Amino acid sequence: MNKIRVGTFFSGIGSPEQAMLNLGVEHEIKFACEIDKFARETYIKNFSPDYMYEDVTKLDMKEVPSVDLLVFGFPCQAFSLAGRRGGFDDTRGTLFYDALRYLREHRPKYFIGENVKGLLSHDNGKTFRTIIDCIAKTENNQYSIMPFDNLGYNVHYQVLNTKNFGVPQNRERIFIVGIRDDEDNDFRFPTPIPLKVKLKDILEKSVDPKFFLSQRMVNGIYKSKFMERKPMEIDGVCKTLKVGGDTPCFKDDRVISHSLYPRTSKTGKGGVGRLKKEDGTSYCLDTGNAQAVEVMCCLTEATGNRAGSSSEFLSSVNRIHKNTGSIRRLTPIEAERLQGFPDEFTSGVSDTQRYKQLGNTITVNVIQSIINNLLK
């Protein structure tokens, strides 16, 4: 196979490019386009595109190089259809329109579009319907109703979850794969695989104290989490005590992931409580790193396996966590691992920017599996 020419819009930090490297596919990066200067900095540190553009809306697509594979994780915007079914023209004023401009001008062999799962229901489904109407000759191997300016691609789409591709993160995204009508259309989305890597496996062994939650936040988590429980329930958490003094013992095969966003209430009057997961996976990464991980520990011999009351139990737990700092936010390296990137891939910018970049990117493992099935 000849070298695959690759281009990306809304490129972020380069998930498709990292996927191509992992696959060992001979390729050349003809262009990337990313408006965020810090994301561009991370991208350029790791990859060398022929051209790096900044604003997709200002591009003359005739001057952008042709590629075999275009990948774009486009922002989701309503298209204000008003029942017109105008096809391509209905997307004007949206960033998806700019990806369409390239597809119409260059007609690459393949494209992959990525978006949040909510795209399917966005604007009562009108947004997604317009996208398909603009590009699809067939959708999931069924002929679609084609507006006059349809681009004639064979389109496949499916919602995929990161946790089904070897990474312990619950991240559902819809992927739209387009194959030009003169190319082989024998594409199938990758089959989910059993998750063997758990959240505990990607955690760093030693982290900077700056990542630990404040005692006030820890108190808030434990107040809502344990005050309603019977103190005896802690006895089953960890059977092997570490003897001597106040040293707590950790059972490193049990990690809880806490969402630091309040749970949405049914009354619409604000959130109540916080969510937690104990299945070995994390919540979907977001740009603000608004989740924390907790390595469960038991009470020590000094405090006893069983507290005499809820308040005594809560006090003991708070003291242990104050001493150990075992509830903390994910580190940038852990976030990189949860998105399938090598350690320190995003280093060189602030932690805030690293979290933002990793929350916005496509999980490498998922896009890698799609590209592998598309090109094989």
Protein backbone atom coordinates (compact mmCIF):
# COMPACT_ATOMS: atom_id res chain seq x y z
CA MET A 1 0.00 0.00 0.00
CA ASN A 2 1.24 3.48 -0.85
CA LYS A 3 1.67 6.06 1.86
CA ILE A 4 -1.67 7.25 3.17
CA ARG A 5 -2.05 11.01 2.98
CA VAL A 6 -3.79 12.26 6.12
CA GLY A 7 -5.36 15.57 7.04
CA THR A 8 -7.34 16.68 10.09
CA PHE A 9 -9.64 19.57 10.97
CA PHE A 10 -10.33 20.50 14.60
CA SER A 11 -7.12 18.55 15.08
CA GLY A 12 -6.64 19.00 18.81
CA ILE A 13 -3.49 17.19 19.87
CA GLY A 14 -3.54 14.56 17.14
CA SER A 15 -5.35 11.34 18.08
CA PRO A 16 -5.59 10.03 14.49
CA GLU A 17 -1.93 10.82 13.92
CA GLN A 18 -0.91 8.91 17.06
CA ALA A 19 -3.15 6.04 15.97
CA MET A 20 -1.40 5.84 12.60
CA LEU A 21 1.97 5.70 14.36
CA ASN A 22 0.74 2.92 16.63
CA LEU A 23 -0.55 0.94 13.66
CA GLY A 24 2.73 1.30 11.78
CA VAL A 25 0.86 2.55 8.71
CA GLU A 26 3.05 4.40 6.25
CA HIS A 27 1.56 7.86 6.08
CA GLU A 28 2.28 11.53 5.61
CA ILE A 29 0.48 14.31 7.43
CA LYS A 30 -0.44 16.81 4.76
CA PHE A 31 -2.17 19.26 7.05
CA ALA A 32 -3.73 19.89 10.44
CA CYS A 33 -5.99 22.72 11.57
CA GLU A 34 -6.47 23.76 15.18
CA ILE A 35 -7.58 27.14 16.52
CA ASP A 36 -6.34 26.67 20.10
CA LYS A 37 -2.72 27.84 20.34
CA PHE A 38 -1.83 25.55 23.24
CA ALA A 39 -3.21 22.50 21.45
CA ARG A 40 -1.20 23.51 18.38
CA GLU A 41 1.89 23.70 20.58
CA THR A 42 1.34 20.15 21.81
CA TYR A 43 0.57 18.93 18.30
CA ILE A 44 3.72 20.43 16.78
CA LYS A 45 5.81 18.98 19.60
CA ASN A 46 4.71 15.48 18.56
CA PHE A 47 4.00 15.69 14.82
CA SER A 48 5.25 17.50 11.73
CA PRO A 49 2.43 18.31 9.30
CA ASP A 50 3.24 19.89 5.97
CA TYR A 51 0.84 22.69 6.85
CA MET A 52 -0.62 23.81 10.17
CA TYR A 53 -3.70 25.99 9.79
CA GLU A 54 -5.44 27.88 12.56
CA ASP A 55 -8.98 28.85 11.51
CA VAL A 56 -10.93 26.44 9.33
CA THR A 57 -13.54 29.07 8.49
CA LYS A 58 -10.93 31.20 6.73
CA LEU A 59 -9.49 28.47 4.54
CA ASP A 60 -9.78 28.45 0.77
CA MET A 61 -10.27 24.71 0.39
CA LYS A 62 -8.83 24.74 -3.11
CA GLU A 63 -5.48 25.65 -1.58
CA VAL A 64 -5.57 22.95 1.11
CA PRO A 65 -3.71 19.75 0.07
CA SER A 66 -5.66 16.70 -1.05
CA VAL A 67 -5.59 13.65 1.21
CA ASP A 68 -6.76 10.06 1.23
CA LEU A 69 -8.17 10.23 4.76
CA LEU A 70 -9.76 13.25 6.43
CA VAL A 71 -10.57 13.14 10.15
CA PHE A 72 -12.56 15.80 11.96
CA GLY A 73 -14.08 15.96 15.45
CA PHE A 74 -16.45 18.81 14.75
CA PRO A 75 -18.37 20.90 17.29
CA CYS A 76 -22.11 20.29 17.41
CA GLN A 77 -24.36 23.16 16.33
CA ALA A 78 -28.02 23.37 15.37
CA PHE A 79 -28.62 23.88 11.68
CA SER A 80 -31.97 25.73 11.90
CA LEU A 81 -33.65 23.54 9.32
CA ALA A 82 -37.17 24.89 9.62
CA GLY A 83 -38.28 21.89 7.57
CA ARG A 84 -36.45 22.94 4.41
CA ARG A 85 -34.35 19.82 3.69
CA GLY A 86 -31.97 22.00 1.69
CA GLY A 87 -29.03 19.66 2.10
CA PHE A 88 -25.62 21.31 1.89
CA ASP A 89 -26.98 24.86 2.24
CA ASP A 90 -28.68 23.98 5.54
CA THR A 91 -25.26 23.66 7.19
CA ARG A 92 -24.00 27.17 6.37
CA GLY A 93 -22.76 29.06 9.39
CA THR A 94 -21.67 25.87 11.22
CA LEU A 95 -18.22 24.36 11.51
CA PHE A 96 -19.47 21.14 9.96
CA TYR A 97 -20.08 23.20 6.83
CA ASP A 98 -16.34 23.84 6.59
CA ALA A 99 -15.58 20.13 6.67
CA LEU A 100 -18.17 19.68 3.92
CA ARG A 101 -16.46 22.36 1.86
CA TYR A 102 -13.29 20.26 1.89
CA LEU A 103 -15.13 17.01 1.14
CA ARG A 104 -16.88 18.55 -1.84
CA GLU A 105 -13.69 20.13 -3.18
CA HIS A 106 -11.29 17.19 -2.79
CA ARG A 107 -13.46 14.09 -2.32
CA PRO A 108 -10.95 12.06 -0.27
CA LYS A 109 -11.27 8.28 -0.35
CA TYR A 110 -12.26 8.17 3.31
CA PHE A 111 -13.34 10.42 6.11
CA ILE A 112 -14.04 9.93 9.80
CA GLY A 113 -16.18 12.37 11.77
CA GLU A 114 -16.49 12.24 15.55
CA ASN A 115 -18.89 13.88 17.95
CA VAL A 116 -20.65 13.42 21.28
CA LYS A 117 -23.40 10.84 21.53
CA GLY A 118 -25.91 13.67 21.95
CA LEU A 119 -25.48 14.58 18.29
CA LEU A 120 -28.04 11.90 17.51
CA SER A 121 -30.76 13.78 19.43
CA HIS A 122 -29.44 17.33 18.96
CA ASP A 123 -32.17 19.71 17.79
CA ASN A 124 -34.66 16.82 17.92
CA GLY A 125 -32.51 14.78 15.57
CA LYS A 126 -32.53 17.39 12.80
CA THR A 127 -28.81 18.11 13.07
CA PHE A 128 -27.76 14.51 12.55
CA ARG A 129 -30.32 14.00 9.79
CA THR A 130 -28.91 16.96 7.91
CA ILE A 131 -25.37 15.64 8.23
CA ILE A 132 -26.37 12.30 6.73
CA ASP A 133 -28.45 13.91 4.00
CA CYS A 134 -25.48 16.02 2.92
CA ILE A 135 -22.97 13.23 2.56
CA ALA A 136 -24.60 9.82 2.30
CA LYS A 137 -25.41 7.78 -0.75
CA THR A 138 -25.95 4.89 1.65
CA GLU A 139 -26.10 4.86 5.45
CA ASN A 140 -25.17 1.66 7.25
CA ASN A 141 -25.56 -0.15 3.91
CA GLN A 142 -29.08 1.19 3.30
CA TYR A 143 -29.82 3.74 0.58
CA SER A 144 -30.67 7.17 1.97
CA ILE A 145 -32.95 9.91 0.69
CA MET A 146 -30.52 12.15 -1.16
CA PRO A 147 -30.87 15.93 -1.61
CA PHE A 148 -29.67 17.28 -4.93
CA ASP A 149 -26.20 18.20 -3.65
CA ASN A 150 -25.47 14.99 -1.73
CA LEU A 151 -21.75 14.10 -1.79
CA GLY A 152 -22.40 10.44 -2.56
CA TYR A 153 -20.39 8.70 0.15
CA ASN A 154 -21.18 5.30 1.60
CA VAL A 155 -21.60 6.20 5.26
CA HIS A 156 -21.45 4.06 8.38
CA TYR A 157 -22.13 5.39 11.87
CA GLN A 158 -22.17 3.91 15.35
CA VAL A 159 -21.79 4.96 18.98
CA LEU A 160 -18.64 3.47 20.51
CA ASN A 161 -17.51 3.46 24.14
CA THR A 162 -13.84 3.84 25.03
CA LYS A 163 -14.11 1.16 27.74
CA ASN A 164 -14.74 -1.43 25.00
CA PHE A 165 -11.34 -0.75 23.42
CA GLY A 166 -8.88 -1.44 26.19
CA VAL A 167 -9.11 1.80 28.17
CA PRO A 168 -10.95 2.04 31.53
CA GLN A 169 -12.93 5.17 30.69
CA ASN A 170 -16.66 5.50 30.03
CA ARG A 171 -16.64 7.76 26.99
CA GLU A 172 -19.40 7.35 24.42
CA ARG A 173 -18.91 9.05 21.07
CA ILE A 174 -20.56 8.69 17.69
CA PHE A 175 -18.26 7.99 14.76
CA ILE A 176 -19.27 8.63 11.17
CA VAL A 177 -17.17 6.82 8.57
CA GLY A 178 -17.46 7.82 4.93
CA ILE A 179 -16.16 5.79 1.98
CA ARG A 180 -16.09 7.29 -1.52
CA ASP A 181 -18.46 5.49 -3.86
CA ASP A 182 -15.66 4.20 -6.11
CA GLU A 183 -13.85 2.50 -3.20
CA ASP A 184 -14.44 -0.86 -1.53
CA ASN A 185 -17.33 -0.41 0.90
CA ASP A 186 -16.66 -3.56 2.91
CA PHE A 187 -16.30 -1.74 6.25
CA ARG A 188 -17.35 -2.98 9.66
CA PHE A 189 -16.98 -1.15 12.93
CA PRO A 190 -14.53 -2.84 15.32
CA THR A 191 -15.93 -5.40 17.71
CA PRO A 192 -15.77 -4.51 21.43
CA ILE A 193 -13.16 -6.38 23.44
CA PRO A 194 -13.27 -7.37 27.14
CA LEU A 195 -11.72 -4.73 29.38
CA LYS A 196 -8.62 -6.19 31.05
CA VAL A 197 -7.05 -2.90 32.18
CA LYS A 198 -8.68 -1.34 35.23
CA LEU A 199 -8.42 2.16 36.59
CA LYS A 200 -5.98 0.95 39.25
CA ASP A 201 -3.58 -0.15 36.51
CA ILE A 202 -3.13 3.33 35.07
CA LEU A 203 -2.66 5.22 38.33
CA GLU A 204 0.73 6.66 39.16
CA LYS A 205 2.35 5.25 42.31
CA SER A 206 3.51 8.62 43.62
CA VAL A 207 2.00 12.01 42.81
CA ASP A 208 2.50 15.63 43.76
CA PRO A 209 0.51 16.78 46.83
CA LYS A 210 -1.14 19.47 44.70
CA PHE A 211 -3.44 16.82 43.22
CA PHE A 212 -4.96 15.82 46.57
CA LEU A 213 -8.40 17.11 47.42
CA SER A 214 -8.76 19.59 50.23
CA GLN A 215 -9.96 18.24 53.55
CA ARG A 216 -13.15 20.24 53.11
CA MET A 217 -13.90 18.46 49.83
CA VAL A 218 -13.04 15.08 51.33
CA ASN A 219 -15.39 15.81 54.22
CA GLY A 220 -18.14 16.65 51.73
CA ILE A 221 -17.66 13.38 49.87
CA TYR A 222 -17.65 11.27 53.04
CA LYS A 223 -20.53 13.10 54.65
CA SER A 224 -22.86 12.25 51.79
CA LYS A 225 -21.34 8.85 51.23
CA PHE A 226 -20.94 7.29 54.67
CA MET A 227 -23.21 8.98 57.19
CA GLU A 228 -26.16 6.93 56.03
CA ARG A 229 -24.22 3.66 56.13
CA LYS A 230 -23.77 1.32 59.03
CA PRO A 231 -20.22 1.56 60.39
CA MET A 232 -19.87 -2.23 60.22
CA GLU A 233 -19.83 -2.10 56.43
CA ILE A 234 -16.22 -0.93 56.38
CA ASP A 235 -15.09 -4.31 57.68
CA GLY A 236 -15.45 -5.94 54.30
CA VAL A 237 -13.37 -3.42 52.41
CA CYS A 238 -9.92 -4.66 53.32
CA LYS A 239 -9.11 -7.79 55.29
CA THR A 240 -5.32 -7.48 55.47
CA LEU A 241 -4.28 -4.93 58.09
CA LYS A 242 -0.86 -3.36 58.12
CA VAL A 243 0.29 -3.76 61.70
CA GLY A 244 1.80 -0.94 63.68
CA GLY A 245 0.85 2.62 64.57
CA ASP A 246 -1.51 4.69 62.46
CA THR A 247 -0.24 3.44 59.09
CA PRO A 248 -3.28 2.61 56.97
CA CYS A 249 -3.28 -0.30 54.61
CA PHE A 250 -4.34 0.00 51.01
CA LYS A 251 -6.05 -2.61 48.97
CA ASP A 252 -4.89 -1.59 45.51
CA ASP A 253 -7.40 -3.68 43.59
CA ARG A 254 -10.29 -1.45 44.61
CA VAL A 255 -10.42 2.10 43.30
CA ILE A 256 -13.45 4.37 43.37
CA SER A 257 -13.90 7.12 40.82
CA HIS A 258 -15.79 10.16 42.09
CA SER A 259 -17.50 12.73 39.89
CA LEU A 260 -17.01 16.12 41.51
CA TYR A 261 -19.97 17.57 39.65
CA PRO A 262 -23.21 17.42 41.67
CA ARG A 263 -25.76 14.90 40.53
CA THR A 264 -28.58 16.59 38.60
CA SER A 265 -31.79 16.72 40.61
CA LYS A 266 -35.19 15.76 39.23
CA THR A 267 -36.75 18.97 40.52
CA GLY A 268 -34.59 21.21 38.36
CA LYS A 269 -33.52 23.18 41.43
CA GLY A 270 -29.87 22.19 41.33
CA GLY A 271 -27.70 19.16 41.84
CA VAL A 272 -27.69 16.93 44.90
CA GLY A 273 -24.95 14.55 45.98
CA ARG A 274 -22.09 13.22 43.86
CA LEU A 275 -21.73 10.21 41.63
CA LYS A 276 -19.23 7.43 42.16
CA LYS A 277 -18.13 4.36 40.24
CA GLU A 278 -16.68 1.17 41.68
CA ASP A 279 -16.42 -0.96 38.53
CA GLY A 280 -12.76 -0.20 37.77
CA THR A 281 -13.47 2.48 35.19
CA SER A 282 -13.46 6.26 35.26
CA TYR A 283 -16.09 8.72 34.18
CA CYS A 284 -15.71 10.41 30.82
CA LEU A 285 -12.77 12.81 30.96
CA ASP A 286 -13.77 16.46 30.74
CA THR A 287 -11.79 19.60 30.13
CA GLY A 288 -11.85 20.61 33.79
CA ASN A 289 -10.66 17.29 35.27
CA ALA A 290 -13.72 17.27 37.53
CA GLN A 291 -13.31 13.82 38.98
CA ALA A 292 -11.18 12.21 41.65
CA VAL A 293 -9.88 8.74 42.39
CA GLU A 294 -9.82 7.01 45.75
CA VAL A 295 -7.81 3.97 46.74
CA MET A 296 -9.93 2.27 49.36
CA CYS A 297 -8.25 1.72 52.71
CA CYS A 298 -9.31 0.01 55.89
CA LEU A 299 -9.01 1.32 59.42
CA THR A 300 -5.78 0.43 61.18
CA GLU A 301 -5.29 -1.56 64.33
CA ALA A 302 -4.75 1.72 66.15
CA THR A 303 -8.26 2.92 65.31
CA GLY A 304 -9.88 -0.50 65.15
CA ASN A 305 -11.81 -2.28 62.45
CA ARG A 306 -15.12 -1.04 63.72
CA ALA A 307 -16.05 2.44 64.82
CA GLY A 308 -18.49 2.81 67.67
CA SER A 309 -20.73 5.34 65.95
CA SER A 310 -21.24 7.07 62.63
CA SER A 311 -19.54 10.21 63.87
CA GLU A 312 -16.58 8.25 65.28
CA PHE A 313 -16.31 6.30 62.06
CA LEU A 314 -16.43 9.47 59.97
CA SER A 315 -13.77 11.09 62.14
CA SER A 316 -11.50 8.06 61.77
CA VAL A 317 -11.90 7.95 58.01
CA ASN A 318 -11.25 11.68 57.70
CA ARG A 319 -8.10 11.37 59.82
CA ILE A 320 -6.78 8.52 57.68
CA HIS A 321 -7.42 10.38 54.48
CA LYS A 322 -5.94 13.55 55.90
CA ASN A 323 -2.75 11.63 56.64
CA THR A 324 -2.58 9.68 53.39
CA GLY A 325 -4.19 12.00 50.86
CA SER A 326 -5.72 9.01 49.10
CA ILE A 327 -8.53 10.97 47.44
CA ARG A 328 -7.15 13.07 44.64
CA ARG A 329 -7.69 14.30 41.14
CA LEU A 330 -6.29 12.46 38.16
CA THR A 331 -2.82 13.62 37.14
CA PRO A 332 -2.13 14.76 33.55
CA ILE A 333 -0.20 11.54 32.92
CA GLU A 334 -3.16 9.46 34.10
CA ALA A 335 -5.44 11.47 31.84
CA GLU A 336 -3.07 10.78 28.96
CA ARG A 337 -3.25 7.07 29.70
CA LEU A 338 -7.05 7.22 29.83
CA GLN A 339 -7.00 8.69 26.32
CA GLY A 340 -4.45 6.23 24.94
CA PHE A 341 -1.50 8.64 24.67
CA PRO A 342 2.09 8.05 25.82
CA ASP A 343 3.16 9.52 29.14
CA GLU A 344 4.13 13.22 28.97
CA PHE A 345 2.60 13.58 25.50
CA THR A 346 1.04 16.89 26.53
CA SER A 347 3.91 18.13 28.69
CA GLY A 348 5.25 21.61 28.04
CA VAL A 349 2.02 23.49 28.77
CA SER A 350 0.20 24.13 32.06
CA ASP A 351 -1.79 21.38 33.77
CA THR A 352 -4.95 23.37 33.02
CA GLN A 353 -4.20 23.26 29.31
CA ARG A 354 -3.22 19.60 29.46
CA TYR A 355 -6.57 18.66 31.00
CA LYS A 356 -8.42 20.80 28.47
CA GLN A 357 -6.60 19.17 25.56
CA LEU A 358 -7.15 15.65 26.83
CA GLY A 359 -10.81 16.28 27.60
CA ASN A 360 -11.36 17.50 24.05
CA THR A 361 -9.48 14.78 22.17
CA ILE A 362 -10.56 11.50 20.60
CA THR A 363 -9.45 8.38 22.46
CA VAL A 364 -6.52 6.97 20.49
CA ASN A 365 -7.49 3.32 20.97
CA VAL A 366 -10.93 3.86 19.45
CA ILE A 367 -9.87 5.84 16.38
CA GLN A 368 -7.00 3.39 15.93
CA SER A 369 -9.40 0.43 15.76
CA ILE A 370 -11.59 2.27 13.25
CA ILE A 371 -8.66 3.22 11.02
CA ASN A 372 -7.33 -0.32 11.16
CA ASN A 373 -10.64 -1.74 9.90
CA LEU A 374 -10.97 0.98 7.30
CA LEU A 375 -7.55 0.53 5.72
CA LYS A 376 -7.02 -3.22 6.01
